[in-house]
Amino acid sequence: MKINHLIAFILLLAATSCASTRKSTEINPSFAASESTWLYRDAEEVNRRLKPLERPQVRFEAEHAILHGDSVWVVVRATIPHRSIRRRECFKATCVLQASEGIMELGELSLDSGHFLPDGEGDVAVATRPGRMQNLYLSWRFAWDERMRMNTFIVVFASLTDGRHLFQYLPLMLPLFWIDDTEDEFYWPRSAEIPEEALLDRSPFENR
């Protein structure tokens, strides 16, 4: 799929979600969002029920983008504050690699607080305490293409639902700044025991 297809998809997503868009000076602009519902299209009802912009936000940051020969390793940190997901809710974030010549879907992060997912799905449990935040790390390895050297992003499509109301956040773009580790191999050996696609409960770059 070409990059203009992705741009069209983002515009379509914003247009079909709902007519209103909320922004707040107290919220990081990355988390401006559009609202929609599964059963009816009422942005005020969605915000009254879910209050998505009044709670702590799940945040994403590209921790490292490592280049090693003909392969790359990307690690994104998801920070989950306490009360960002309430009981009987599910937060989902689909991650997509966007480069100048096309896109590639990387996977989905699901934070289930209401038994939306079948038992046993997911490798890492999330438990936050008042005043504390929990970090999860999404790790991907895939083949390098020279066309990814410039203007490459991880795009995060996030949503929050209670089973009836659906709140869709505007896509969040995380730029990737490559670290060429081909010769030094300072970072690359740390990926040896990690699957090509993994969800980790601690950063693989921490000193053990």
N, C-alpha and C. Protein backbone atom coordinates (compact mmCIF):
# COMPACT_ATOMS: atom_id res chain seq x y z
N MET A 1 0.86 -1.19 0.00
CA MET A 1 0.00 0.00 0.00
C MET A 1 0.89 1.24 0.00
N LYS A 2 0.62 2.18 -0.89
CA LYS A 2 1.44 3.38 -0.99
C LYS A 2 1.12 4.34 0.13
N ILE A 3 2.02 5.32 0.30
CA ILE A 3 1.87 6.25 1.41
C ILE A 3 0.62 7.10 1.26
N ASN A 4 0.22 7.42 0.00
CA ASN A 4 -0.99 8.23 -0.16
C ASN A 4 -2.23 7.47 0.29
N HIS A 5 -2.18 6.13 0.26
CA HIS A 5 -3.29 5.34 0.79
C HIS A 5 -3.39 5.52 2.29
N LEU A 6 -2.24 5.56 2.98
CA LEU A 6 -2.25 5.75 4.44
C LEU A 6 -2.81 7.12 4.79
N ILE A 7 -2.40 8.15 4.03
CA ILE A 7 -2.90 9.49 4.30
C ILE A 7 -4.41 9.53 4.11
N ALA A 8 -4.90 8.87 3.06
CA ALA A 8 -6.34 8.83 2.82
C ALA A 8 -7.06 8.11 3.95
N PHE A 9 -6.44 7.03 4.47
CA PHE A 9 -7.05 6.28 5.56
C PHE A 9 -7.15 7.13 6.82
N ILE A 10 -6.09 7.90 7.14
CA ILE A 10 -6.11 8.75 8.32
C ILE A 10 -7.18 9.82 8.20
N LEU A 11 -7.30 10.42 7.01
CA LEU A 11 -8.32 11.44 6.81
C LEU A 11 -9.71 10.85 6.91
N LEU A 12 -9.88 9.64 6.37
CA LEU A 12 -11.17 8.97 6.45
C LEU A 12 -11.53 8.64 7.88
N LEU A 13 -10.54 8.18 8.66
CA LEU A 13 -10.76 7.85 10.06
C LEU A 13 -11.24 9.08 10.84
N ALA A 14 -10.58 10.21 10.60
CA ALA A 14 -10.96 11.43 11.31
C ALA A 14 -12.33 11.93 10.88
N ALA A 15 -12.66 11.72 9.60
CA ALA A 15 -13.92 12.24 9.08
C ALA A 15 -15.12 11.42 9.52
N THR A 16 -14.95 10.10 9.63
CA THR A 16 -16.07 9.23 9.92
C THR A 16 -16.28 9.00 11.39
N SER A 17 -15.31 9.36 12.25
CA SER A 17 -15.46 9.09 13.68
C SER A 17 -16.62 9.88 14.25
N CYS A 18 -16.56 11.20 14.17
CA CYS A 18 -17.66 12.05 14.64
C CYS A 18 -17.35 13.48 14.26
N ALA A 19 -18.35 14.33 14.32
CA ALA A 19 -18.16 15.68 13.83
C ALA A 19 -17.26 16.51 14.71
N SER A 20 -17.23 16.24 16.02
CA SER A 20 -16.50 17.12 16.94
C SER A 20 -15.13 16.58 17.27
N THR A 21 -14.20 17.51 17.52
CA THR A 21 -12.85 17.17 17.94
C THR A 21 -12.51 18.02 19.15
N ARG A 22 -12.03 17.37 20.24
CA ARG A 22 -11.71 18.10 21.45
C ARG A 22 -10.21 18.27 21.58
N LYS A 23 -9.80 19.47 22.02
CA LYS A 23 -8.41 19.73 22.34
C LYS A 23 -8.37 20.48 23.66
N SER A 24 -7.32 20.26 24.42
CA SER A 24 -7.20 20.92 25.72
C SER A 24 -5.76 21.36 25.91
N THR A 25 -5.59 22.56 26.45
CA THR A 25 -4.24 23.04 26.70
C THR A 25 -3.58 22.27 27.83
N GLU A 26 -4.39 21.54 28.62
CA GLU A 26 -3.83 20.77 29.72
C GLU A 26 -3.42 19.38 29.29
N ILE A 27 -3.77 18.99 28.06
CA ILE A 27 -3.45 17.67 27.53
C ILE A 27 -2.37 17.83 26.46
N ASN A 28 -1.44 16.90 26.46
CA ASN A 28 -0.44 16.89 25.40
C ASN A 28 -1.15 16.90 24.04
N PRO A 29 -0.81 17.81 23.12
CA PRO A 29 -1.51 17.87 21.83
C PRO A 29 -1.49 16.55 21.07
N SER A 30 -0.54 15.69 21.36
CA SER A 30 -0.51 14.38 20.69
C SER A 30 -1.76 13.58 20.98
N PHE A 31 -2.49 13.97 22.03
CA PHE A 31 -3.64 13.18 22.43
C PHE A 31 -4.96 13.89 22.15
N ALA A 32 -4.95 14.88 21.26
CA ALA A 32 -6.21 15.39 20.76
C ALA A 32 -6.91 14.23 20.07
N ALA A 33 -8.24 14.18 20.13
CA ALA A 33 -8.91 12.97 19.66
C ALA A 33 -10.27 13.27 19.06
N SER A 34 -10.75 12.32 18.27
CA SER A 34 -12.10 12.39 17.75
C SER A 34 -12.91 11.25 18.36
N GLU A 35 -14.21 11.43 18.48
CA GLU A 35 -15.03 10.45 19.17
C GLU A 35 -15.98 9.74 18.23
N SER A 36 -16.31 8.51 18.57
CA SER A 36 -17.36 7.78 17.86
C SER A 36 -17.91 6.72 18.80
N THR A 37 -19.03 6.13 18.46
CA THR A 37 -19.61 5.04 19.24
C THR A 37 -19.96 3.89 18.32
N TRP A 38 -20.16 2.74 18.94
CA TRP A 38 -20.55 1.58 18.14
C TRP A 38 -22.05 1.59 17.83
N LEU A 39 -22.88 2.07 18.77
CA LEU A 39 -24.32 1.96 18.60
C LEU A 39 -24.98 3.25 18.15
N TYR A 40 -24.41 4.37 18.51
CA TYR A 40 -24.97 5.65 18.09
C TYR A 40 -23.86 6.69 18.09
N ARG A 41 -24.10 7.75 17.31
CA ARG A 41 -23.04 8.73 17.10
C ARG A 41 -23.34 9.96 17.95
N ASP A 42 -22.87 9.96 19.17
CA ASP A 42 -23.12 11.05 20.10
C ASP A 42 -21.86 11.30 20.89
N ALA A 43 -21.07 12.30 20.46
CA ALA A 43 -19.77 12.56 21.09
C ALA A 43 -19.92 12.97 22.55
N GLU A 44 -20.97 13.75 22.87
CA GLU A 44 -21.17 14.17 24.25
C GLU A 44 -21.42 12.97 25.16
N GLU A 45 -22.19 12.02 24.69
CA GLU A 45 -22.47 10.82 25.48
C GLU A 45 -21.20 10.01 25.70
N VAL A 46 -20.37 9.89 24.67
CA VAL A 46 -19.11 9.16 24.79
C VAL A 46 -18.23 9.80 25.84
N ASN A 47 -18.09 11.11 25.80
CA ASN A 47 -17.23 11.80 26.76
C ASN A 47 -17.80 11.78 28.17
N ARG A 48 -19.12 11.80 28.29
CA ARG A 48 -19.73 11.73 29.61
C ARG A 48 -19.53 10.36 30.24
N ARG A 49 -19.59 9.31 29.43
CA ARG A 49 -19.46 7.95 29.94
C ARG A 49 -18.00 7.55 30.17
N LEU A 50 -17.15 7.83 29.21
CA LEU A 50 -15.76 7.37 29.30
C LEU A 50 -14.83 8.42 29.90
N LYS A 51 -15.13 9.70 29.71
CA LYS A 51 -14.26 10.79 30.17
C LYS A 51 -12.81 10.54 29.74
N PRO A 52 -12.57 10.26 28.47
CA PRO A 52 -11.22 9.84 28.03
C PRO A 52 -10.16 10.92 28.15
N LEU A 53 -10.53 12.18 28.00
CA LEU A 53 -9.54 13.25 28.05
C LEU A 53 -9.40 13.85 29.44
N GLU A 54 -10.16 13.34 30.40
CA GLU A 54 -10.06 13.81 31.77
C GLU A 54 -9.26 12.87 32.66
N ARG A 55 -8.80 11.78 32.10
CA ARG A 55 -8.05 10.78 32.87
C ARG A 55 -6.60 10.76 32.41
N PRO A 56 -5.71 10.13 33.18
CA PRO A 56 -4.31 10.00 32.71
C PRO A 56 -4.27 9.24 31.39
N GLN A 57 -3.39 9.66 30.50
CA GLN A 57 -3.32 9.07 29.16
C GLN A 57 -2.24 8.00 29.05
N VAL A 58 -2.55 6.93 28.32
CA VAL A 58 -1.51 5.98 27.94
C VAL A 58 -0.64 6.65 26.89
N ARG A 59 0.67 6.68 27.13
CA ARG A 59 1.57 7.41 26.25
C ARG A 59 2.58 6.47 25.60
N PHE A 60 3.07 6.86 24.44
CA PHE A 60 4.00 6.05 23.67
C PHE A 60 5.23 6.88 23.30
N GLU A 61 6.37 6.20 23.31
CA GLU A 61 7.63 6.86 22.92
C GLU A 61 8.55 5.82 22.30
N ALA A 62 9.17 6.18 21.17
CA ALA A 62 10.15 5.29 20.54
C ALA A 62 11.43 5.33 21.36
N GLU A 63 11.76 4.22 22.02
CA GLU A 63 12.93 4.19 22.89
C GLU A 63 14.22 4.06 22.10
N HIS A 64 14.28 3.12 21.16
CA HIS A 64 15.46 2.95 20.31
C HIS A 64 15.06 2.38 18.96
N ALA A 65 15.78 2.79 17.92
CA ALA A 65 15.65 2.22 16.58
C ALA A 65 17.06 1.84 16.13
N ILE A 66 17.36 0.55 16.15
CA ILE A 66 18.72 0.03 15.94
C ILE A 66 18.84 -0.56 14.54
N LEU A 67 19.85 -0.14 13.81
CA LEU A 67 20.17 -0.70 12.50
C LEU A 67 21.39 -1.59 12.63
N HIS A 68 21.26 -2.82 12.11
CA HIS A 68 22.38 -3.77 12.16
C HIS A 68 22.45 -4.52 10.83
N GLY A 69 23.32 -4.05 9.95
CA GLY A 69 23.46 -4.70 8.65
C GLY A 69 22.17 -4.58 7.85
N ASP A 70 21.56 -5.74 7.54
CA ASP A 70 20.33 -5.74 6.76
C ASP A 70 19.10 -5.94 7.64
N SER A 71 19.23 -5.70 8.95
CA SER A 71 18.11 -5.87 9.88
C SER A 71 17.97 -4.64 10.78
N VAL A 72 16.77 -4.48 11.34
CA VAL A 72 16.54 -3.39 12.29
C VAL A 72 15.81 -3.95 13.51
N TRP A 73 15.94 -3.23 14.60
CA TRP A 73 15.27 -3.57 15.86
C TRP A 73 14.70 -2.28 16.43
N VAL A 74 13.38 -2.24 16.61
CA VAL A 74 12.69 -1.06 17.11
C VAL A 74 12.01 -1.41 18.43
N VAL A 75 12.19 -0.56 19.44
CA VAL A 75 11.55 -0.75 20.74
C VAL A 75 10.77 0.52 21.08
N VAL A 76 9.48 0.35 21.35
CA VAL A 76 8.60 1.46 21.73
C VAL A 76 8.12 1.24 23.16
N ARG A 77 8.19 2.30 23.97
CA ARG A 77 7.73 2.22 25.35
C ARG A 77 6.31 2.75 25.46
N ALA A 78 5.43 1.96 26.10
CA ALA A 78 4.07 2.39 26.43
C ALA A 78 4.01 2.63 27.93
N THR A 79 3.64 3.84 28.34
CA THR A 79 3.55 4.20 29.75
C THR A 79 2.08 4.23 30.16
N ILE A 80 1.71 3.39 31.14
CA ILE A 80 0.31 3.26 31.55
C ILE A 80 0.16 3.81 32.96
N PRO A 81 -0.40 5.00 33.12
CA PRO A 81 -0.61 5.54 34.46
C PRO A 81 -1.77 4.82 35.16
N HIS A 82 -1.77 4.90 36.48
CA HIS A 82 -2.89 4.35 37.25
C HIS A 82 -4.17 5.07 36.85
N ARG A 83 -5.26 4.31 36.71
CA ARG A 83 -6.58 4.81 36.36
C ARG A 83 -6.69 5.28 34.92
N SER A 84 -5.72 4.96 34.08
CA SER A 84 -5.88 5.30 32.67
C SER A 84 -6.90 4.37 32.01
N ILE A 85 -7.03 3.15 32.55
CA ILE A 85 -8.03 2.20 32.08
C ILE A 85 -8.81 1.71 33.29
N ARG A 86 -10.10 1.98 33.30
CA ARG A 86 -10.92 1.62 34.44
C ARG A 86 -11.48 0.20 34.28
N ARG A 87 -12.16 -0.26 35.32
CA ARG A 87 -12.74 -1.61 35.28
C ARG A 87 -13.72 -1.73 34.11
N ARG A 88 -13.70 -2.91 33.50
CA ARG A 88 -14.59 -3.26 32.40
C ARG A 88 -14.38 -2.37 31.18
N GLU A 89 -13.11 -2.02 30.94
CA GLU A 89 -12.74 -1.26 29.75
C GLU A 89 -11.60 -1.96 29.02
N CYS A 90 -11.44 -1.62 27.77
CA CYS A 90 -10.34 -2.18 26.97
C CYS A 90 -9.71 -1.07 26.15
N PHE A 91 -8.39 -0.93 26.25
CA PHE A 91 -7.62 0.02 25.47
C PHE A 91 -6.83 -0.77 24.43
N LYS A 92 -6.89 -0.36 23.17
CA LYS A 92 -6.15 -1.02 22.11
C LYS A 92 -5.33 -0.01 21.33
N ALA A 93 -4.16 -0.43 20.92
CA ALA A 93 -3.29 0.42 20.10
C ALA A 93 -2.66 -0.44 19.00
N THR A 94 -3.01 -0.14 17.76
CA THR A 94 -2.42 -0.82 16.61
C THR A 94 -1.24 -0.01 16.11
N CYS A 95 -0.09 -0.65 15.96
CA CYS A 95 1.14 0.03 15.54
C CYS A 95 1.46 -0.31 14.09
N VAL A 96 1.79 0.71 13.33
CA VAL A 96 2.09 0.56 11.91
C VAL A 96 3.41 1.27 11.60
N LEU A 97 4.28 0.62 10.84
CA LEU A 97 5.51 1.25 10.37
C LEU A 97 5.19 2.01 9.09
N GLN A 98 5.48 3.30 9.06
CA GLN A 98 5.24 4.13 7.88
C GLN A 98 6.56 4.64 7.34
N ALA A 99 6.85 4.29 6.11
CA ALA A 99 8.05 4.78 5.43
C ALA A 99 7.62 5.51 4.16
N SER A 100 8.60 6.06 3.44
CA SER A 100 8.27 6.87 2.27
C SER A 100 7.64 6.05 1.15
N GLU A 101 7.91 4.73 1.12
CA GLU A 101 7.43 3.90 0.03
C GLU A 101 6.26 3.00 0.41
N GLY A 102 5.81 3.05 1.65
CA GLY A 102 4.69 2.20 2.01
C GLY A 102 4.58 2.02 3.51
N ILE A 103 3.73 1.07 3.94
CA ILE A 103 3.50 0.82 5.36
C ILE A 103 3.56 -0.67 5.64
N MET A 104 3.74 -1.00 6.93
CA MET A 104 3.74 -2.40 7.36
C MET A 104 3.12 -2.45 8.76
N GLU A 105 2.08 -3.28 8.94
CA GLU A 105 1.45 -3.41 10.24
C GLU A 105 2.36 -4.22 11.16
N LEU A 106 2.58 -3.72 12.37
CA LEU A 106 3.50 -4.36 13.30
C LEU A 106 2.81 -5.20 14.36
N GLY A 107 1.61 -4.81 14.78
CA GLY A 107 0.94 -5.58 15.81
C GLY A 107 0.06 -4.69 16.67
N GLU A 108 -0.61 -5.31 17.63
CA GLU A 108 -1.58 -4.60 18.47
C GLU A 108 -1.29 -4.82 19.94
N LEU A 109 -1.39 -3.74 20.71
CA LEU A 109 -1.30 -3.81 22.16
C LEU A 109 -2.71 -3.69 22.72
N SER A 110 -3.15 -4.66 23.53
CA SER A 110 -4.46 -4.64 24.15
C SER A 110 -4.31 -4.65 25.66
N LEU A 111 -4.90 -3.67 26.32
CA LEU A 111 -4.91 -3.58 27.78
C LEU A 111 -6.35 -3.79 28.22
N ASP A 112 -6.65 -4.99 28.69
CA ASP A 112 -8.01 -5.41 28.97
C ASP A 112 -8.28 -5.34 30.47
N SER A 113 -9.28 -4.53 30.86
CA SER A 113 -9.65 -4.43 32.26
C SER A 113 -11.10 -4.88 32.47
N GLY A 114 -11.65 -5.57 31.48
CA GLY A 114 -13.05 -5.96 31.60
C GLY A 114 -13.38 -7.26 30.92
N HIS A 115 -12.40 -8.15 30.75
CA HIS A 115 -12.61 -9.48 30.17
C HIS A 115 -13.13 -9.40 28.73
N PHE A 116 -12.62 -8.43 27.97
CA PHE A 116 -12.97 -8.36 26.56
C PHE A 116 -12.24 -9.42 25.75
N LEU A 117 -11.05 -9.81 26.22
CA LEU A 117 -10.24 -10.77 25.49
C LEU A 117 -10.38 -12.14 26.13
N PRO A 118 -10.31 -13.21 25.33
CA PRO A 118 -10.36 -14.55 25.91
C PRO A 118 -9.25 -14.75 26.92
N ASP A 119 -9.53 -15.55 27.94
CA ASP A 119 -8.52 -15.83 28.96
C ASP A 119 -7.28 -16.44 28.33
N GLY A 120 -6.14 -16.01 28.82
CA GLY A 120 -4.88 -16.59 28.34
C GLY A 120 -4.22 -15.77 27.25
N GLU A 121 -4.94 -14.79 26.66
CA GLU A 121 -4.31 -13.96 25.63
C GLU A 121 -3.44 -12.90 26.28
N GLY A 122 -2.32 -12.63 25.66
CA GLY A 122 -1.40 -11.62 26.19
C GLY A 122 -0.34 -12.27 27.06
N ASP A 123 0.89 -11.76 26.95
CA ASP A 123 2.02 -12.35 27.66
C ASP A 123 2.40 -11.60 28.92
N VAL A 124 1.98 -10.35 29.04
CA VAL A 124 2.44 -9.52 30.15
C VAL A 124 1.24 -8.93 30.87
N ALA A 125 1.17 -9.11 32.18
CA ALA A 125 0.09 -8.52 32.97
C ALA A 125 0.49 -7.11 33.39
N VAL A 126 -0.51 -6.22 33.45
CA VAL A 126 -0.27 -4.84 33.83
C VAL A 126 -0.96 -4.57 35.16
N ALA A 127 -0.22 -4.13 36.15
CA ALA A 127 -0.79 -3.79 37.46
C ALA A 127 -0.20 -2.46 37.90
N THR A 128 -1.06 -1.45 38.00
CA THR A 128 -0.61 -0.14 38.45
C THR A 128 -1.16 0.14 39.84
N ARG A 129 -0.47 1.01 40.56
CA ARG A 129 -0.89 1.42 41.89
C ARG A 129 -1.09 2.93 41.91
N PRO A 130 -1.91 3.44 42.83
CA PRO A 130 -2.14 4.89 42.88
C PRO A 130 -0.82 5.66 42.92
N GLY A 131 -0.73 6.65 42.04
CA GLY A 131 0.46 7.47 41.98
C GLY A 131 1.62 6.84 41.23
N ARG A 132 1.42 5.64 40.68
CA ARG A 132 2.50 4.93 39.98
C ARG A 132 2.13 4.69 38.53
N MET A 133 3.15 4.44 37.71
CA MET A 133 2.94 4.13 36.31
C MET A 133 3.65 2.82 35.98
N GLN A 134 3.10 2.08 35.02
CA GLN A 134 3.69 0.82 34.57
C GLN A 134 4.14 0.99 33.13
N ASN A 135 5.35 0.54 32.83
CA ASN A 135 5.86 0.61 31.47
C ASN A 135 5.85 -0.77 30.83
N LEU A 136 5.41 -0.81 29.58
CA LEU A 136 5.53 -2.00 28.74
C LEU A 136 6.34 -1.63 27.51
N TYR A 137 7.00 -2.61 26.92
CA TYR A 137 7.90 -2.35 25.79
C TYR A 137 7.53 -3.25 24.63
N LEU A 138 7.20 -2.63 23.50
CA LEU A 138 6.90 -3.36 22.28
C LEU A 138 8.18 -3.45 21.47
N SER A 139 8.55 -4.67 21.11
CA SER A 139 9.82 -4.92 20.41
C SER A 139 9.54 -5.60 19.07
N TRP A 140 10.15 -5.06 18.01
CA TRP A 140 10.01 -5.66 16.68
C TRP A 140 11.36 -5.71 15.99
N ARG A 141 11.59 -6.80 15.27
CA ARG A 141 12.75 -6.92 14.39
C ARG A 141 12.25 -7.27 12.99
N PHE A 142 12.82 -6.62 11.99
CA PHE A 142 12.42 -6.89 10.61
C PHE A 142 13.55 -6.45 9.68
N ALA A 143 13.39 -6.72 8.39
CA ALA A 143 14.44 -6.46 7.41
C ALA A 143 14.59 -4.96 7.16
N TRP A 144 15.81 -4.53 6.95
CA TRP A 144 16.14 -3.14 6.65
C TRP A 144 15.97 -2.87 5.17
N ASP A 145 15.45 -1.70 4.86
CA ASP A 145 15.37 -1.22 3.48
C ASP A 145 15.93 0.20 3.48
N GLU A 146 16.79 0.50 2.53
CA GLU A 146 17.44 1.81 2.49
C GLU A 146 16.43 2.95 2.43
N ARG A 147 15.25 2.68 1.90
CA ARG A 147 14.22 3.71 1.80
C ARG A 147 13.64 4.07 3.16
N MET A 148 13.99 3.31 4.20
CA MET A 148 13.52 3.62 5.55
C MET A 148 14.45 4.58 6.28
N ARG A 149 15.56 4.96 5.66
CA ARG A 149 16.55 5.77 6.35
C ARG A 149 15.99 7.14 6.75
N MET A 150 15.16 7.73 5.92
CA MET A 150 14.61 9.05 6.19
C MET A 150 13.09 8.98 6.29
N ASN A 151 12.52 9.86 7.13
CA ASN A 151 11.07 10.03 7.23
C ASN A 151 10.34 8.71 7.49
N THR A 152 10.78 8.00 8.51
CA THR A 152 10.13 6.75 8.91
C THR A 152 9.54 6.93 10.31
N PHE A 153 8.32 6.45 10.49
CA PHE A 153 7.60 6.64 11.73
C PHE A 153 6.94 5.34 12.17
N ILE A 154 6.68 5.23 13.48
CA ILE A 154 5.71 4.28 14.00
C ILE A 154 4.42 5.09 14.22
N VAL A 155 3.34 4.67 13.59
CA VAL A 155 2.05 5.33 13.75
C VAL A 155 1.20 4.48 14.68
N VAL A 156 0.66 5.10 15.73
CA VAL A 156 -0.15 4.39 16.73
C VAL A 156 -1.60 4.82 16.57
N PHE A 157 -2.47 3.84 16.28
CA PHE A 157 -3.92 4.06 16.21
C PHE A 157 -4.52 3.49 17.49
N ALA A 158 -4.94 4.37 18.40
CA ALA A 158 -5.41 3.92 19.72
C ALA A 158 -6.90 4.15 19.88
N SER A 159 -7.53 3.29 20.72
CA SER A 159 -8.95 3.44 21.01
C SER A 159 -9.23 2.94 22.42
N LEU A 160 -10.37 3.39 22.97
CA LEU A 160 -10.80 3.00 24.31
C LEU A 160 -12.27 2.66 24.24
N THR A 161 -12.68 1.53 24.85
CA THR A 161 -14.08 1.15 24.82
C THR A 161 -14.52 0.53 26.14
N ASP A 162 -15.81 0.69 26.44
CA ASP A 162 -16.42 -0.02 27.56
C ASP A 162 -17.39 -1.08 27.06
N GLY A 163 -17.32 -1.40 25.79
CA GLY A 163 -18.19 -2.39 25.19
C GLY A 163 -19.38 -1.78 24.47
N ARG A 164 -19.72 -0.56 24.82
CA ARG A 164 -20.82 0.15 24.16
C ARG A 164 -20.34 1.41 23.48
N HIS A 165 -19.50 2.16 24.17
CA HIS A 165 -18.98 3.41 23.62
C HIS A 165 -17.55 3.20 23.15
N LEU A 166 -17.21 3.83 22.06
CA LEU A 166 -15.87 3.71 21.48
C LEU A 166 -15.28 5.09 21.28
N PHE A 167 -14.11 5.33 21.89
CA PHE A 167 -13.39 6.60 21.74
C PHE A 167 -12.14 6.32 20.93
N GLN A 168 -11.97 7.00 19.81
CA GLN A 168 -10.83 6.80 18.93
C GLN A 168 -9.91 8.01 19.00
N TYR A 169 -8.68 7.79 19.43
CA TYR A 169 -7.69 8.86 19.48
C TYR A 169 -7.15 9.11 18.07
N LEU A 170 -6.80 10.36 17.80
CA LEU A 170 -6.15 10.64 16.53
C LEU A 170 -4.82 9.90 16.45
N PRO A 171 -4.41 9.48 15.25
CA PRO A 171 -3.16 8.74 15.12
C PRO A 171 -1.98 9.52 15.69
N LEU A 172 -1.11 8.81 16.40
CA LEU A 172 0.09 9.39 17.00
C LEU A 172 1.30 8.92 16.21
N MET A 173 2.15 9.85 15.77
CA MET A 173 3.31 9.50 14.95
C MET A 173 4.59 9.63 15.76
N LEU A 174 5.35 8.54 15.82
CA LEU A 174 6.62 8.50 16.56
C LEU A 174 7.76 8.42 15.55
N PRO A 175 8.54 9.49 15.38
CA PRO A 175 9.65 9.43 14.41
C PRO A 175 10.74 8.48 14.87
N LEU A 176 11.36 7.79 13.91
CA LEU A 176 12.45 6.86 14.20
C LEU A 176 13.77 7.47 13.78
N PHE A 177 14.71 7.54 14.71
CA PHE A 177 16.06 8.03 14.45
C PHE A 177 17.01 6.85 14.61
N TRP A 178 17.56 6.38 13.50
CA TRP A 178 18.31 5.13 13.48
C TRP A 178 19.68 5.28 14.12
N ILE A 179 20.04 4.28 14.90
CA ILE A 179 21.39 4.14 15.45
C ILE A 179 22.05 2.97 14.71
N ASP A 180 23.10 3.25 13.94
CA ASP A 180 23.78 2.20 13.19
C ASP A 180 24.72 1.45 14.13
N ASP A 181 24.35 0.23 14.44
CA ASP A 181 25.10 -0.60 15.40
C ASP A 181 25.79 -1.77 14.70
N THR A 182 26.01 -1.62 13.39
CA THR A 182 26.57 -2.72 12.60
C THR A 182 27.98 -3.07 13.04
N GLU A 183 28.80 -2.08 13.29
CA GLU A 183 30.20 -2.35 13.65
C GLU A 183 30.39 -2.49 15.16
N ASP A 184 29.84 -1.58 15.92
CA ASP A 184 30.09 -1.60 17.37
C ASP A 184 29.36 -2.74 18.08
N GLU A 185 28.15 -3.07 17.59
CA GLU A 185 27.32 -4.12 18.20
C GLU A 185 27.17 -3.90 19.71
N PHE A 186 26.87 -2.67 20.08
CA PHE A 186 26.65 -2.36 21.48
C PHE A 186 25.23 -2.73 21.92
N TYR A 187 24.25 -2.47 21.02
CA TYR A 187 22.86 -2.75 21.34
C TYR A 187 22.37 -4.09 20.79
N TRP A 188 22.80 -4.43 19.58
CA TRP A 188 22.20 -5.56 18.86
C TRP A 188 22.24 -6.88 19.62
N PRO A 189 23.32 -7.24 20.32
CA PRO A 189 23.32 -8.53 21.03
C PRO A 189 22.20 -8.68 22.05
N ARG A 190 21.65 -7.57 22.54
CA ARG A 190 20.57 -7.64 23.53
C ARG A 190 19.27 -8.16 22.93
N SER A 191 19.19 -8.19 21.61
CA SER A 191 17.97 -8.67 20.96
C SER A 191 18.00 -10.17 20.70
N ALA A 192 19.10 -10.82 21.03
CA ALA A 192 19.30 -12.22 20.64
C ALA A 192 18.22 -13.15 21.18
N GLU A 193 17.79 -12.94 22.43
CA GLU A 193 16.83 -13.85 23.05
C GLU A 193 15.39 -13.35 22.94
N ILE A 194 15.18 -12.27 22.20
CA ILE A 194 13.84 -11.69 22.09
C ILE A 194 13.23 -12.11 20.75
N PRO A 195 11.99 -12.61 20.74
CA PRO A 195 11.34 -12.97 19.47
C PRO A 195 11.25 -11.77 18.53
N GLU A 196 10.96 -12.04 17.27
CA GLU A 196 10.89 -10.97 16.28
C GLU A 196 9.83 -9.94 16.66
N GLU A 197 8.74 -10.39 17.26
CA GLU A 197 7.70 -9.49 17.76
C GLU A 197 7.38 -9.89 19.19
N ALA A 198 7.55 -8.96 20.13
CA ALA A 198 7.39 -9.32 21.55
C ALA A 198 6.87 -8.14 22.34
N LEU A 199 6.20 -8.46 23.46
CA LEU A 199 5.78 -7.47 24.44
C LEU A 199 6.52 -7.77 25.73
N LEU A 200 7.29 -6.79 26.23
CA LEU A 200 8.19 -7.00 27.35
C LEU A 200 7.74 -6.18 28.54
N ASP A 201 8.01 -6.69 29.76
CA ASP A 201 7.64 -5.95 30.95
C ASP A 201 8.76 -5.07 31.47
N ARG A 202 9.91 -5.10 30.82
CA ARG A 202 11.00 -4.19 31.18
C ARG A 202 11.82 -3.90 29.93
N SER A 203 12.51 -2.77 29.95
CA SER A 203 13.28 -2.37 28.79
C SER A 203 14.46 -3.33 28.58
N PRO A 204 14.66 -3.79 27.35
CA PRO A 204 15.82 -4.64 27.06
C PRO A 204 17.14 -3.88 27.12
N PHE A 205 17.08 -2.55 27.27
CA PHE A 205 18.30 -1.74 27.34
C PHE A 205 18.70 -1.41 28.77
N GLU A 206 17.91 -1.86 29.74
CA GLU A 206 18.28 -1.66 31.14
C GLU A 206 19.49 -2.52 31.50
N ASN A 207 20.31 -2.01 32.40
CA ASN A 207 21.42 -2.81 32.90
C ASN A 207 20.87 -3.89 33.82
N ARG A 208 21.22 -5.12 33.55
CA ARG A 208 20.69 -6.23 34.33
C ARG A 208 21.65 -6.61 35.44
